[in-house]
Amino acid sequence: MSCYYVIGVRMNNRVDNALNFQETLTKNGCKIKTRLGLHEVSDHACANDGLIVLQPYGTKEEVEKLVKELNSLEGIKAKLIDLN
């Protein structure tokens, strides 16, 4: 098991796509150590797209499976960063 994997996620149309994304994260909750969500916010607007950074837990094969599952979701683009 390695802690040197990071998954970068771009979510388009956050309002419509967040529910399926959240359900997928919940289903894989024991495989995710850290989650950080970033999107633009101001007094006048809240962006409808954003970036999510995940620190997964598991073997490379398990992490790759999670990335594939995330990429199957509408409006989601996920990439594995292997820092091993």
N, C-alpha and C. Protein backbone atom coordinates (compact mmCIF):
# COMPACT_ATOMS: atom_id res chain seq x y z
N MET A 1 0.84 -1.18 0.00
CA MET A 1 0.00 0.00 0.00
C MET A 1 0.89 1.24 0.00
N SER A 2 0.55 2.19 -0.82
CA SER A 2 1.37 3.39 -0.92
C SER A 2 0.54 4.63 -0.65
N CYS A 3 1.13 5.58 0.03
CA CYS A 3 0.46 6.86 0.24
C CYS A 3 0.95 7.89 -0.76
N TYR A 4 1.70 7.46 -1.77
CA TYR A 4 2.26 8.39 -2.75
C TYR A 4 1.46 8.42 -4.04
N TYR A 5 0.16 8.20 -3.94
CA TYR A 5 -0.76 8.38 -5.05
C TYR A 5 -1.65 9.58 -4.75
N VAL A 6 -1.95 10.34 -5.78
CA VAL A 6 -2.89 11.45 -5.69
C VAL A 6 -3.79 11.35 -6.90
N ILE A 7 -5.08 11.61 -6.70
CA ILE A 7 -6.01 11.66 -7.82
C ILE A 7 -6.49 13.10 -7.94
N GLY A 8 -6.26 13.68 -9.11
CA GLY A 8 -6.78 15.01 -9.42
C GLY A 8 -8.08 14.86 -10.19
N VAL A 9 -9.09 15.59 -9.78
CA VAL A 9 -10.41 15.48 -10.40
C VAL A 9 -10.90 16.86 -10.81
N ARG A 10 -11.39 16.98 -12.03
CA ARG A 10 -12.07 18.19 -12.46
C ARG A 10 -13.54 17.85 -12.63
N MET A 11 -14.38 18.65 -11.99
CA MET A 11 -15.82 18.44 -12.10
C MET A 11 -16.43 19.61 -12.84
N ASN A 12 -17.15 19.31 -13.92
CA ASN A 12 -17.92 20.30 -14.64
C ASN A 12 -19.36 20.23 -14.15
N ASN A 13 -20.05 21.36 -14.19
CA ASN A 13 -21.47 21.42 -13.83
C ASN A 13 -21.71 20.77 -12.46
N ARG A 14 -21.09 21.34 -11.47
CA ARG A 14 -21.10 20.81 -10.10
C ARG A 14 -22.51 20.57 -9.57
N VAL A 15 -23.43 21.47 -9.87
CA VAL A 15 -24.79 21.36 -9.36
C VAL A 15 -25.44 20.05 -9.82
N ASP A 16 -25.24 19.71 -11.10
CA ASP A 16 -25.87 18.50 -11.65
C ASP A 16 -25.09 17.23 -11.37
N ASN A 17 -23.77 17.33 -11.21
CA ASN A 17 -22.94 16.12 -11.14
C ASN A 17 -22.42 15.76 -9.75
N ALA A 18 -22.61 16.62 -8.78
CA ALA A 18 -22.04 16.38 -7.45
C ALA A 18 -22.66 15.16 -6.75
N LEU A 19 -23.94 14.92 -6.95
CA LEU A 19 -24.60 13.82 -6.24
C LEU A 19 -24.00 12.47 -6.62
N ASN A 20 -23.87 12.19 -7.92
CA ASN A 20 -23.28 10.91 -8.34
C ASN A 20 -21.83 10.80 -7.91
N PHE A 21 -21.12 11.92 -7.96
CA PHE A 21 -19.72 11.93 -7.52
C PHE A 21 -19.64 11.60 -6.03
N GLN A 22 -20.47 12.25 -5.23
CA GLN A 22 -20.47 12.01 -3.78
C GLN A 22 -20.85 10.57 -3.46
N GLU A 23 -21.81 10.01 -4.17
CA GLU A 23 -22.19 8.61 -3.95
C GLU A 23 -21.02 7.68 -4.24
N THR A 24 -20.26 7.98 -5.28
CA THR A 24 -19.09 7.16 -5.62
C THR A 24 -18.02 7.28 -4.54
N LEU A 25 -17.80 8.49 -4.03
CA LEU A 25 -16.82 8.66 -2.95
C LEU A 25 -17.27 7.93 -1.69
N THR A 26 -18.55 8.01 -1.37
CA THR A 26 -19.07 7.32 -0.19
C THR A 26 -18.89 5.81 -0.32
N LYS A 27 -19.20 5.28 -1.49
CA LYS A 27 -19.05 3.85 -1.74
C LYS A 27 -17.59 3.40 -1.58
N ASN A 28 -16.67 4.29 -1.91
CA ASN A 28 -15.24 3.99 -1.84
C ASN A 28 -14.57 4.65 -0.65
N GLY A 29 -15.33 5.01 0.36
CA GLY A 29 -14.84 5.79 1.49
C GLY A 29 -13.64 5.20 2.21
N CYS A 30 -13.55 3.89 2.28
CA CYS A 30 -12.42 3.26 2.97
C CYS A 30 -11.16 3.27 2.11
N LYS A 31 -11.27 3.73 0.86
CA LYS A 31 -10.13 3.81 -0.04
C LYS A 31 -9.63 5.24 -0.21
N ILE A 32 -10.23 6.19 0.54
CA ILE A 32 -9.86 7.60 0.39
C ILE A 32 -9.43 8.14 1.75
N LYS A 33 -8.16 8.54 1.85
CA LYS A 33 -7.63 9.08 3.11
C LYS A 33 -7.94 10.56 3.26
N THR A 34 -7.82 11.31 2.15
CA THR A 34 -7.97 12.76 2.21
C THR A 34 -8.73 13.24 0.99
N ARG A 35 -9.56 14.25 1.20
CA ARG A 35 -10.31 14.86 0.11
C ARG A 35 -10.27 16.37 0.30
N LEU A 36 -9.93 17.09 -0.77
CA LEU A 36 -9.89 18.55 -0.73
C LEU A 36 -10.62 19.07 -1.96
N GLY A 37 -11.64 19.87 -1.75
CA GLY A 37 -12.41 20.44 -2.85
C GLY A 37 -12.10 21.92 -3.00
N LEU A 38 -11.92 22.36 -4.24
CA LEU A 38 -11.58 23.74 -4.54
C LEU A 38 -12.52 24.26 -5.63
N HIS A 39 -13.15 25.40 -5.39
CA HIS A 39 -13.90 26.08 -6.45
C HIS A 39 -13.96 27.56 -6.14
N GLU A 40 -14.17 28.36 -7.16
CA GLU A 40 -14.19 29.81 -7.01
C GLU A 40 -15.44 30.27 -6.28
N VAL A 41 -15.25 31.13 -5.31
CA VAL A 41 -16.35 31.69 -4.53
C VAL A 41 -16.07 33.18 -4.36
N SER A 42 -17.13 33.99 -4.48
CA SER A 42 -17.00 35.42 -4.22
C SER A 42 -18.31 35.92 -3.64
N ASP A 43 -18.40 37.20 -3.36
CA ASP A 43 -19.64 37.78 -2.84
C ASP A 43 -20.77 37.68 -3.86
N HIS A 44 -20.42 37.56 -5.15
CA HIS A 44 -21.43 37.63 -6.20
C HIS A 44 -21.66 36.31 -6.92
N ALA A 45 -20.82 35.32 -6.70
CA ALA A 45 -20.96 34.08 -7.48
C ALA A 45 -20.31 32.90 -6.77
N CYS A 46 -20.78 31.73 -7.14
CA CYS A 46 -20.19 30.47 -6.68
C CYS A 46 -20.02 29.61 -7.93
N ALA A 47 -18.78 29.31 -8.30
CA ALA A 47 -18.50 28.60 -9.54
C ALA A 47 -19.21 27.25 -9.59
N ASN A 48 -19.61 26.88 -10.80
CA ASN A 48 -20.31 25.61 -10.99
C ASN A 48 -19.37 24.50 -11.46
N ASP A 49 -18.07 24.76 -11.42
CA ASP A 49 -17.09 23.71 -11.69
C ASP A 49 -15.98 23.84 -10.65
N GLY A 50 -15.17 22.82 -10.56
CA GLY A 50 -14.13 22.89 -9.54
C GLY A 50 -13.14 21.75 -9.64
N LEU A 51 -12.19 21.78 -8.73
CA LEU A 51 -11.15 20.76 -8.64
C LEU A 51 -11.29 20.03 -7.31
N ILE A 52 -11.04 18.74 -7.34
CA ILE A 52 -11.03 17.92 -6.13
C ILE A 52 -9.71 17.16 -6.13
N VAL A 53 -9.04 17.14 -5.00
CA VAL A 53 -7.80 16.39 -4.84
C VAL A 53 -8.08 15.28 -3.84
N LEU A 54 -7.80 14.05 -4.24
CA LEU A 54 -8.01 12.88 -3.39
C LEU A 54 -6.67 12.21 -3.09
N GLN A 55 -6.48 11.79 -1.86
CA GLN A 55 -5.35 10.94 -1.50
C GLN A 55 -5.94 9.55 -1.26
N PRO A 56 -5.78 8.65 -2.22
CA PRO A 56 -6.37 7.32 -2.07
C PRO A 56 -5.50 6.40 -1.23
N TYR A 57 -6.11 5.30 -0.79
CA TYR A 57 -5.41 4.26 -0.04
C TYR A 57 -5.66 2.94 -0.76
N GLY A 58 -4.62 2.18 -0.98
CA GLY A 58 -4.78 0.87 -1.60
C GLY A 58 -3.64 0.56 -2.54
N THR A 59 -3.76 -0.58 -3.20
CA THR A 59 -2.77 -0.97 -4.19
C THR A 59 -2.96 -0.11 -5.44
N LYS A 60 -1.97 -0.12 -6.30
CA LYS A 60 -2.08 0.66 -7.54
C LYS A 60 -3.29 0.20 -8.35
N GLU A 61 -3.53 -1.10 -8.38
CA GLU A 61 -4.68 -1.63 -9.12
C GLU A 61 -6.00 -1.11 -8.55
N GLU A 62 -6.11 -1.06 -7.23
CA GLU A 62 -7.33 -0.54 -6.59
C GLU A 62 -7.52 0.95 -6.88
N VAL A 63 -6.42 1.69 -6.85
CA VAL A 63 -6.48 3.13 -7.11
C VAL A 63 -6.86 3.37 -8.58
N GLU A 64 -6.28 2.60 -9.48
CA GLU A 64 -6.62 2.74 -10.90
C GLU A 64 -8.10 2.40 -11.15
N LYS A 65 -8.61 1.43 -10.43
CA LYS A 65 -10.04 1.08 -10.55
C LYS A 65 -10.91 2.25 -10.10
N LEU A 66 -10.53 2.92 -9.01
CA LEU A 66 -11.27 4.08 -8.54
C LEU A 66 -11.24 5.21 -9.58
N VAL A 67 -10.09 5.45 -10.17
CA VAL A 67 -9.97 6.48 -11.21
C VAL A 67 -10.88 6.15 -12.38
N LYS A 68 -10.90 4.90 -12.79
CA LYS A 68 -11.76 4.47 -13.90
C LYS A 68 -13.23 4.68 -13.55
N GLU A 69 -13.61 4.35 -12.33
CA GLU A 69 -14.99 4.53 -11.89
C GLU A 69 -15.37 6.02 -11.88
N LEU A 70 -14.46 6.86 -11.41
CA LEU A 70 -14.73 8.30 -11.40
C LEU A 70 -14.89 8.83 -12.83
N ASN A 71 -14.04 8.37 -13.74
CA ASN A 71 -14.11 8.82 -15.13
C ASN A 71 -15.37 8.34 -15.85
N SER A 72 -16.04 7.36 -15.30
CA SER A 72 -17.29 6.90 -15.92
C SER A 72 -18.46 7.82 -15.59
N LEU A 73 -18.27 8.75 -14.65
CA LEU A 73 -19.34 9.65 -14.23
C LEU A 73 -19.43 10.86 -15.17
N GLU A 74 -20.64 11.32 -15.39
CA GLU A 74 -20.89 12.50 -16.21
C GLU A 74 -20.21 13.72 -15.61
N GLY A 75 -19.48 14.48 -16.44
CA GLY A 75 -18.88 15.73 -16.01
C GLY A 75 -17.63 15.61 -15.16
N ILE A 76 -17.07 14.39 -15.07
CA ILE A 76 -15.90 14.15 -14.22
C ILE A 76 -14.72 13.72 -15.08
N LYS A 77 -13.57 14.33 -14.82
CA LYS A 77 -12.32 13.91 -15.44
C LYS A 77 -11.31 13.70 -14.31
N ALA A 78 -10.85 12.46 -14.14
CA ALA A 78 -9.93 12.11 -13.06
C ALA A 78 -8.62 11.61 -13.64
N LYS A 79 -7.52 11.98 -12.97
CA LYS A 79 -6.20 11.52 -13.38
C LYS A 79 -5.42 11.07 -12.15
N LEU A 80 -4.71 9.96 -12.31
CA LEU A 80 -3.86 9.43 -11.26
C LEU A 80 -2.48 10.07 -11.36
N ILE A 81 -1.97 10.53 -10.25
CA ILE A 81 -0.60 11.02 -10.15
C ILE A 81 0.13 10.04 -9.24
N ASP A 82 1.12 9.36 -9.79
CA ASP A 82 1.90 8.36 -9.05
C ASP A 82 3.23 8.98 -8.68
N LEU A 83 3.43 9.26 -7.40
CA LEU A 83 4.66 9.90 -6.92
C LEU A 83 5.62 8.91 -6.27
N ASN A 84 5.45 7.64 -6.55
CA ASN A 84 6.35 6.62 -6.03
C ASN A 84 7.68 6.67 -6.73
